[in-house]
Amino acid sequence: MLPRPVQALTSLPPYVFAELDRLKAEARARGISFVDLGIGSPDSPVDESIVDVLAKAVHDPSTHGYPSFRGLPKYLEAAAGFVKDRFGTSLDPSTQVLALSGSKEGLAHVCMSYCGPGDVALVPDVFYPVHARAPLLNGADVHYMATSAASGFLPDFDAIPADVAKRAKILIVNYPNNPTGAVATLEFYERAVAYARTHNLVLISDLAYSELTFDGYVAPSIFEVDGAMDVAVEFHSCSKTFSMAGMRIGFVAGNAEIINAMAAYRTNVGYGTPTAIQHAGAYALDNHKKLSAKACNRYRSRRDAVVAAFREIGWEIEPPKATMYIWQPIPEGYTEWEWTKALMEQAHVVVTPGIAFGPGGAGYFRISLVAPEQVLGDAIRRLSALDAPVAGR
């Protein structure tokens, strides 16, 4: 008999997406076909100009060896240029930027670099799973900061107990937010920076959706706050903005000491991001205005189609100002899994139950805008045909 995996792994709560995959497999086995709006994987192809750069790089033998640990200078400079052009923050590419094989990997690495047994990670109670699971995997405790629709899904740092704050090592914020679509103001980041500086925390800003914003809202960077560079790093991803999810490319920028700690961790567990993909990422970042506008327009149009369909069947809905998601309360009379199964079985639509994203997600579900407008609209309109009465809209 094999030994058991480490307790930190076996004690994790069940991964909701694995259960969702099981339900989908069972439905397919019974001959049910459905529109899968569960996973936020972009359905649009990568722009041909990016693919051309990647293809050229792949054919260059100089890209075939091990990649550099910190990143290709061309890519690091492109990342720094993006931050400067977009947010007005100047960075030293050699010390304040690190290439990542997707921001999720980097988020796990920074958590594991700073937060271990006896430490606490401060995480909003609605979160992208790695924000909490990475500290837990490293033996740390997680304090879930309460959020709600009334607060715009923003945590109140003053509500964190003093004894928890003393043990805390990292503070994670993610706006525009996955899964809620909530957005933050510069004033919120000022409070986050002040709290991190007061309590000597590593402040982690997950800004993966900075370019997918609508209706005049422009997502700020935490580095637009004075003093943020003393305590913070910010994560960016090419996955959603440029539909490069399968290429696994992103970067982290910010405090050089934190970047160095991450780089040290990464050199012990990996070997960097493939060089050819960094060439493609550099091109995308250098041309972010043109390329991100296409994605933004696409997701805004899809959001509008879903909002219109919900209103057509009598649901109240506030259009999100950012991301590629719709976050809605589950109708009264359903548990999270009852609602998910009802949609799959009766409406032939897959959504993600909010509990996949932490305790604050109870009573909600998430729709990913990963289909054309007509498909999305038809899928939402089918919700009105569920057998059980739908109340509390």
Protein backbone atom coordinates (compact mmCIF):
# COMPACT_ATOMS: atom_id res chain seq x y z
CA MET A 1 0.00 0.00 0.00
CA LEU A 2 1.29 3.42 -0.93
CA PRO A 3 1.80 6.09 1.74
CA ARG A 4 -0.81 8.83 2.00
CA PRO A 5 -0.07 12.22 0.44
CA VAL A 6 0.85 15.02 2.82
CA GLN A 7 -1.90 16.20 5.17
CA ALA A 8 -1.96 19.70 3.67
CA LEU A 9 -3.16 18.14 0.41
CA THR A 10 -5.56 15.55 1.79
CA SER A 11 -7.17 18.03 4.19
CA LEU A 12 -8.11 20.50 1.46
CA PRO A 13 -11.85 20.80 0.87
CA PRO A 14 -13.07 19.08 -2.32
CA TYR A 15 -12.27 20.95 -5.51
CA VAL A 16 -15.66 21.98 -6.85
CA PHE A 17 -14.52 22.00 -10.47
CA ALA A 18 -13.69 18.28 -10.19
CA GLU A 19 -17.26 17.56 -9.07
CA LEU A 20 -18.55 19.73 -11.90
CA ASP A 21 -16.48 17.70 -14.37
CA ARG A 22 -17.97 14.50 -12.93
CA LEU A 23 -21.52 15.79 -13.38
CA LYS A 24 -20.80 16.83 -16.96
CA ALA A 25 -19.34 13.41 -17.77
CA GLU A 26 -22.43 11.69 -16.34
CA ALA A 27 -24.72 13.95 -18.35
CA ARG A 28 -22.82 13.27 -21.57
CA ALA A 29 -23.02 9.53 -20.89
CA ARG A 30 -26.83 9.88 -20.78
CA GLY A 31 -26.79 11.65 -24.14
CA ILE A 32 -27.29 15.20 -22.81
CA SER A 33 -25.52 17.95 -24.73
CA PHE A 34 -25.17 21.35 -23.13
CA VAL A 35 -23.71 24.82 -23.40
CA ASP A 36 -20.75 24.87 -21.02
CA LEU A 37 -20.51 28.28 -19.35
CA GLY A 38 -18.74 26.90 -16.30
CA ILE A 39 -15.01 27.27 -16.88
CA GLY A 40 -13.65 30.69 -17.85
CA SER A 41 -11.52 29.45 -20.74
CA PRO A 42 -11.58 31.87 -23.69
CA ASP A 43 -13.30 30.40 -26.73
CA SER A 44 -11.88 32.90 -29.21
CA PRO A 45 -8.65 32.02 -31.04
CA VAL A 46 -5.40 33.84 -30.40
CA ASP A 47 -4.93 36.74 -32.80
CA GLU A 48 -3.09 35.62 -35.93
CA SER A 49 -0.39 38.24 -35.43
CA ILE A 50 0.53 36.66 -32.09
CA VAL A 51 0.49 33.17 -33.61
CA ASP A 52 2.82 34.37 -36.39
CA VAL A 53 5.33 35.66 -33.83
CA LEU A 54 5.11 32.39 -31.90
CA ALA A 55 5.60 30.31 -35.04
CA LYS A 56 8.66 32.30 -36.03
CA ALA A 57 10.10 31.94 -32.54
CA VAL A 58 9.48 28.19 -32.46
CA HIS A 59 11.44 27.82 -35.71
CA ASP A 60 14.38 29.72 -34.21
CA PRO A 61 16.80 27.14 -32.72
CA SER A 62 17.92 29.65 -30.08
CA THR A 63 14.55 29.18 -28.34
CA HIS A 64 14.92 25.41 -28.02
CA GLY A 65 17.12 25.30 -24.94
CA TYR A 66 16.21 25.87 -21.32
CA PRO A 67 14.64 29.31 -20.78
CA SER A 68 16.16 31.88 -18.46
CA PHE A 69 14.95 31.67 -14.89
CA ARG A 70 13.72 35.25 -14.56
CA GLY A 71 12.60 35.77 -18.12
CA LEU A 72 13.69 36.82 -21.59
CA PRO A 73 14.89 40.46 -21.45
CA LYS A 74 12.64 41.28 -24.40
CA TYR A 75 9.62 39.97 -22.50
CA LEU A 76 10.53 41.65 -19.22
CA GLU A 77 10.96 44.96 -21.05
CA ALA A 78 7.60 44.52 -22.78
CA ALA A 79 5.94 43.82 -19.41
CA ALA A 80 7.53 46.92 -17.89
CA GLY A 81 6.47 48.91 -20.94
CA PHE A 82 2.88 47.72 -20.57
CA VAL A 83 2.79 48.80 -16.90
CA LYS A 84 4.32 52.19 -17.77
CA ASP A 85 1.98 52.80 -20.69
CA ARG A 86 -1.12 51.60 -18.90
CA PHE A 87 -0.61 52.83 -15.33
CA GLY A 88 2.25 55.34 -15.47
CA THR A 89 4.51 53.27 -13.20
CA SER A 90 8.19 52.92 -14.09
CA LEU A 91 9.82 49.56 -13.37
CA ASP A 92 13.32 48.14 -13.65
CA PRO A 93 12.74 45.07 -15.85
CA SER A 94 15.77 43.27 -14.43
CA THR A 95 14.74 43.53 -10.77
CA GLN A 96 11.04 44.40 -10.59
CA VAL A 97 9.51 42.04 -13.18
CA LEU A 98 9.41 38.24 -13.33
CA ALA A 99 8.06 36.11 -16.18
CA LEU A 100 5.44 33.53 -15.17
CA SER A 101 3.91 30.48 -16.79
CA GLY A 102 0.49 31.98 -16.15
CA SER A 103 -0.37 34.19 -13.20
CA LYS A 104 -1.92 31.27 -11.28
CA GLU A 105 1.48 29.62 -10.98
CA GLY A 106 3.02 32.86 -9.75
CA LEU A 107 0.25 33.45 -7.22
CA ALA A 108 0.93 30.03 -5.74
CA HIS A 109 4.65 30.70 -5.64
CA VAL A 110 4.41 34.03 -3.82
CA CYS A 111 2.05 32.51 -1.26
CA MET A 112 4.42 29.62 -0.68
CA SER A 113 7.41 31.95 -0.52
CA TYR A 114 5.97 33.92 2.38
CA CYS A 115 3.24 31.97 4.15
CA GLY A 116 3.86 28.69 6.00
CA PRO A 117 2.83 26.84 9.16
CA GLY A 118 1.69 29.22 11.89
CA ASP A 119 1.20 32.08 9.43
CA VAL A 120 -2.08 33.54 8.20
CA ALA A 121 -3.11 34.58 4.69
CA LEU A 122 -5.78 37.28 4.51
CA VAL A 123 -8.11 36.40 1.62
CA PRO A 124 -11.57 37.78 0.72
CA ASP A 125 -14.26 35.16 1.34
CA VAL A 126 -15.07 35.11 -2.40
CA PHE A 127 -11.83 34.24 -4.15
CA TYR A 128 -10.11 32.69 -7.13
CA PRO A 129 -9.28 29.23 -5.72
CA VAL A 130 -5.48 29.46 -5.74
CA HIS A 131 -5.61 32.52 -3.46
CA ALA A 132 -6.63 30.32 -0.54
CA ARG A 133 -5.51 26.88 -1.63
CA ALA A 134 -1.84 27.79 -2.10
CA PRO A 135 -1.40 29.01 1.51
CA LEU A 136 -3.32 25.98 2.78
CA LEU A 137 -1.10 23.64 0.76
CA ASN A 138 1.91 25.24 2.43
CA GLY A 139 0.50 24.61 5.91
CA ALA A 140 -0.66 28.16 6.58
CA ASP A 141 -4.05 29.25 7.89
CA VAL A 142 -6.47 31.37 5.89
CA HIS A 143 -8.59 34.14 7.39
CA TYR A 144 -11.54 34.85 5.12
CA MET A 145 -12.36 38.56 5.05
CA ALA A 146 -16.12 38.99 4.82
CA THR A 147 -17.55 40.55 1.66
CA SER A 148 -21.08 41.06 0.38
CA ALA A 149 -23.02 42.52 -2.49
CA ALA A 150 -23.80 45.52 -0.26
CA SER A 151 -20.07 46.23 0.13
CA GLY A 152 -19.38 45.73 -3.57
CA PHE A 153 -17.59 42.51 -2.59
CA LEU A 154 -14.79 44.60 -1.05
CA PRO A 155 -13.40 43.52 2.35
CA ASP A 156 -13.29 45.77 5.39
CA PHE A 157 -9.72 45.65 6.69
CA ASP A 158 -10.75 47.21 10.00
CA ALA A 159 -12.87 44.12 10.71
CA ILE A 160 -9.84 41.82 10.78
CA PRO A 161 -9.26 40.72 14.41
CA ALA A 162 -6.06 42.04 15.97
CA ASP A 163 -4.77 38.58 16.87
CA VAL A 164 -5.24 37.47 13.25
CA ALA A 165 -3.45 40.55 11.92
CA LYS A 166 -0.44 39.78 14.15
CA ARG A 167 -0.01 36.35 12.52
CA ALA A 168 -0.76 37.50 8.97
CA LYS A 169 1.99 37.49 6.37
CA ILE A 170 0.13 38.17 3.13
CA LEU A 171 -2.95 40.11 2.02
CA ILE A 172 -4.57 39.24 -1.31
CA VAL A 173 -6.90 41.47 -3.35
CA ASN A 174 -8.31 40.75 -6.80
CA TYR A 175 -10.14 43.53 -8.68
CA PRO A 176 -11.65 43.41 -11.24
CA ASN A 177 -12.76 40.29 -9.43
CA ASN A 178 -13.15 36.70 -10.51
CA PRO A 179 -15.87 35.49 -9.96
CA THR A 180 -18.04 38.47 -8.99
CA GLY A 181 -17.02 41.05 -11.59
CA ALA A 182 -16.67 43.55 -8.74
CA VAL A 183 -14.34 46.49 -9.27
CA ALA A 184 -12.23 48.61 -6.93
CA THR A 185 -11.38 52.28 -6.75
CA LEU A 186 -8.03 53.86 -6.07
CA GLU A 187 -9.33 54.73 -2.60
CA PHE A 188 -9.76 51.04 -1.84
CA TYR A 189 -6.16 50.37 -2.87
CA GLU A 190 -5.03 53.23 -0.64
CA ARG A 191 -6.68 51.50 2.31
CA ALA A 192 -5.10 48.17 1.34
CA VAL A 193 -1.62 49.69 1.08
CA ALA A 194 -2.02 51.50 4.39
CA TYR A 195 -3.12 48.30 6.12
CA ALA A 196 -0.25 46.28 4.61
CA ARG A 197 2.31 48.89 5.64
CA THR A 198 0.91 49.10 9.18
CA HIS A 199 0.99 45.32 9.67
CA ASN A 200 4.15 44.53 7.65
CA LEU A 201 2.32 42.40 5.10
CA VAL A 202 3.14 41.30 1.58
CA LEU A 203 0.30 42.82 -0.46
CA ILE A 204 -0.66 40.74 -3.49
CA SER A 205 -2.80 42.35 -6.19
CA ASP A 206 -4.24 39.98 -8.80
CA LEU A 207 -4.96 42.24 -11.79
CA ALA A 208 -5.60 39.59 -14.43
CA TYR A 209 -8.70 41.37 -15.78
CA SER A 210 -7.37 44.92 -15.92
CA GLU A 211 -8.14 45.33 -19.63
CA LEU A 212 -11.63 43.78 -19.69
CA THR A 213 -13.57 46.80 -18.40
CA PHE A 214 -16.73 48.47 -19.66
CA ASP A 215 -18.95 51.55 -19.48
CA GLY A 216 -16.12 54.01 -18.91
CA TYR A 217 -14.60 52.18 -15.95
CA VAL A 218 -10.80 51.92 -16.13
CA ALA A 219 -9.15 49.55 -13.68
CA PRO A 220 -6.40 51.18 -11.59
CA SER A 221 -3.16 49.57 -10.50
CA ILE A 222 -2.13 49.32 -6.89
CA PHE A 223 1.08 51.09 -7.88
CA GLU A 224 -0.85 54.26 -8.50
CA VAL A 225 -0.86 54.53 -4.68
CA ASP A 226 2.11 56.19 -2.99
CA GLY A 227 4.13 53.68 -1.00
CA ALA A 228 2.66 50.59 -2.67
CA MET A 229 6.02 49.60 -4.13
CA ASP A 230 7.33 49.17 -0.57
CA VAL A 231 4.96 46.26 0.14
CA ALA A 232 3.23 45.06 -3.02
CA VAL A 233 3.46 42.93 -6.13
CA GLU A 234 0.89 42.83 -8.91
CA PHE A 235 0.05 39.93 -11.20
CA HIS A 236 -0.86 40.22 -14.86
CA SER A 237 -1.92 37.56 -17.33
CA CYS A 238 -2.09 37.19 -21.10
CA SER A 239 -4.73 34.46 -20.77
CA LYS A 240 -7.94 36.49 -20.94
CA THR A 241 -6.86 39.78 -22.52
CA PHE A 242 -5.19 38.04 -25.47
CA SER A 243 -6.96 34.61 -25.36
CA MET A 244 -3.55 33.03 -24.63
CA ALA A 245 -4.77 30.77 -21.82
CA GLY A 246 -3.27 27.66 -23.42
CA MET A 247 0.14 29.26 -23.80
CA ARG A 248 0.55 29.87 -20.05
CA ILE A 249 2.19 33.28 -19.96
CA GLY A 250 1.96 36.15 -17.49
CA PHE A 251 4.16 38.26 -15.24
CA VAL A 252 4.46 39.72 -11.77
CA ALA A 253 5.75 43.21 -11.12
CA GLY A 254 6.58 45.26 -8.05
CA ASN A 255 8.75 45.19 -4.97
CA ALA A 256 12.20 43.86 -5.88
CA GLU A 257 12.66 41.99 -2.58
CA ILE A 258 9.40 40.08 -3.09
CA ILE A 259 10.28 39.42 -6.72
CA ASN A 260 13.65 38.01 -5.64
CA ALA A 261 11.98 35.69 -3.13
CA MET A 262 9.63 34.42 -5.82
CA ALA A 263 12.50 33.95 -8.26
CA ALA A 264 14.39 31.93 -5.64
CA TYR A 265 11.35 29.73 -5.04
CA ARG A 266 10.75 29.20 -8.74
CA THR A 267 14.35 28.17 -9.45
CA ASN A 268 13.93 25.35 -6.92
CA VAL A 269 10.74 23.93 -8.43
CA GLY A 270 10.87 24.84 -12.12
CA TYR A 271 12.92 26.25 -14.95
CA GLY A 272 11.17 29.32 -16.25
CA THR A 273 8.67 30.03 -19.01
CA PRO A 274 9.30 28.69 -22.55
CA THR A 275 11.28 31.23 -24.57
CA ALA A 276 9.17 31.02 -27.73
CA ILE A 277 6.02 31.78 -25.77
CA GLN A 278 7.74 34.77 -24.17
CA HIS A 279 8.34 36.16 -27.66
CA ALA A 280 4.62 35.88 -28.35
CA GLY A 281 3.78 37.45 -24.99
CA ALA A 282 6.17 40.32 -25.62
CA TYR A 283 4.46 41.06 -28.94
CA ALA A 284 1.03 40.97 -27.29
CA LEU A 285 2.07 43.35 -24.51
CA ASP A 286 3.79 45.71 -26.96
CA ASN A 287 0.54 45.85 -28.96
CA HIS A 288 -1.87 45.69 -26.02
CA LYS A 289 -4.02 48.66 -27.01
CA LYS A 290 -5.04 47.22 -30.36
CA LEU A 291 -5.32 43.61 -29.20
CA SER A 292 -7.07 44.21 -25.88
CA ALA A 293 -9.69 46.42 -27.53
CA LYS A 294 -10.86 43.41 -29.55
CA ALA A 295 -11.31 41.29 -26.44
CA CYS A 296 -12.97 44.09 -24.50
CA ASN A 297 -15.50 44.73 -27.26
CA ARG A 298 -16.24 41.02 -27.57
CA TYR A 299 -16.93 40.51 -23.86
CA ARG A 300 -18.93 43.73 -23.57
CA SER A 301 -21.19 42.57 -26.40
CA ARG A 302 -21.61 39.17 -24.76
CA ARG A 303 -22.32 40.73 -21.39
CA ASP A 304 -25.01 42.90 -22.93
CA ALA A 305 -26.61 39.86 -24.60
CA VAL A 306 -26.76 37.97 -21.28
CA VAL A 307 -28.12 40.95 -19.38
CA ALA A 308 -30.82 41.45 -22.01
CA ALA A 309 -31.77 37.76 -21.89
CA PHE A 310 -32.00 37.76 -18.09
CA ARG A 311 -34.21 40.83 -18.14
CA GLU A 312 -36.35 39.23 -20.83
CA ILE A 313 -37.19 36.33 -18.50
CA GLY A 314 -37.84 38.67 -15.58
CA TRP A 315 -34.59 38.58 -13.62
CA GLU A 316 -33.13 41.66 -12.01
CA ILE A 317 -29.48 42.06 -12.97
CA GLU A 318 -26.85 44.76 -12.68
CA PRO A 319 -24.38 44.66 -15.59
CA PRO A 320 -20.83 44.14 -14.29
CA LYS A 321 -18.29 46.81 -15.20
CA ALA A 322 -15.50 44.32 -15.82
CA THR A 323 -14.33 40.73 -16.43
CA MET A 324 -15.86 37.96 -18.53
CA TYR A 325 -18.31 36.74 -15.88
CA ILE A 326 -21.86 37.22 -14.66
CA TRP A 327 -22.43 36.63 -10.91
CA GLN A 328 -26.03 36.07 -9.89
CA PRO A 329 -27.93 34.97 -6.77
CA ILE A 330 -29.38 31.47 -6.90
CA PRO A 331 -33.19 31.54 -6.83
CA GLU A 332 -34.89 30.72 -3.55
CA GLY A 333 -35.69 27.07 -3.01
CA TYR A 334 -32.45 25.71 -4.44
CA THR A 335 -29.13 24.74 -2.92
CA GLU A 336 -26.02 25.48 -4.95
CA TRP A 337 -25.79 21.94 -6.34
CA GLU A 338 -29.55 21.60 -6.87
CA TRP A 339 -29.49 24.73 -9.00
CA THR A 340 -26.40 23.60 -10.92
CA LYS A 341 -27.92 20.18 -11.62
CA ALA A 342 -31.30 21.66 -12.59
CA LEU A 343 -29.66 23.92 -15.16
CA MET A 344 -27.64 21.04 -16.57
CA GLU A 345 -30.51 18.55 -16.70
CA GLN A 346 -33.40 20.81 -17.71
CA ALA A 347 -31.90 23.87 -19.42
CA HIS A 348 -28.80 22.06 -20.72
CA VAL A 349 -26.55 24.83 -19.44
CA VAL A 350 -23.46 24.40 -17.26
CA VAL A 351 -22.65 27.09 -14.70
CA THR A 352 -20.31 27.15 -11.72
CA PRO A 353 -21.82 27.13 -8.21
CA GLY A 354 -20.55 30.05 -6.14
CA ILE A 355 -19.19 27.78 -3.42
CA ALA A 356 -16.35 26.95 -5.81
CA PHE A 357 -15.03 30.38 -4.89
CA GLY A 358 -15.15 30.24 -1.11
CA PRO A 359 -17.66 30.60 1.72
CA GLY A 360 -18.79 34.02 0.53
CA GLY A 361 -19.95 32.47 -2.74
CA ALA A 362 -22.75 30.50 -1.10
CA GLY A 363 -26.08 31.37 -2.68
CA TYR A 364 -24.57 32.52 -6.00
CA PHE A 365 -23.59 31.08 -9.36
CA ARG A 366 -21.17 32.23 -12.04
CA ILE A 367 -21.66 32.34 -15.80
CA SER A 368 -18.60 32.60 -18.05
CA LEU A 369 -19.04 34.56 -21.26
CA VAL A 370 -17.36 31.91 -23.40
CA ALA A 371 -19.85 31.58 -26.25
CA PRO A 372 -21.24 33.85 -28.99
CA GLU A 373 -24.05 36.27 -28.16
CA GLN A 374 -26.84 34.21 -29.71
CA VAL A 375 -25.76 31.05 -27.88
CA LEU A 376 -25.52 32.90 -24.58
CA GLY A 377 -28.91 34.55 -25.01
CA ASP A 378 -30.63 31.28 -25.92
CA ALA A 379 -29.01 29.54 -22.94
CA ILE A 380 -30.21 32.17 -20.48
CA ARG A 381 -33.74 32.21 -21.87
CA ARG A 382 -33.97 28.44 -21.27
CA LEU A 383 -33.74 29.12 -17.52
CA SER A 384 -37.38 30.22 -17.61
CA ALA A 385 -38.45 26.66 -18.52
CA LEU A 386 -37.22 24.96 -15.33
CA ASP A 387 -39.78 22.65 -13.74
CA ALA A 388 -39.47 24.06 -10.22
CA PRO A 389 -40.88 27.52 -9.50
CA VAL A 390 -38.23 30.21 -9.56
CA ALA A 391 -38.71 32.81 -6.85
CA GLY A 392 -36.74 35.67 -5.37
CA ARG A 393 -35.55 37.12 -8.62
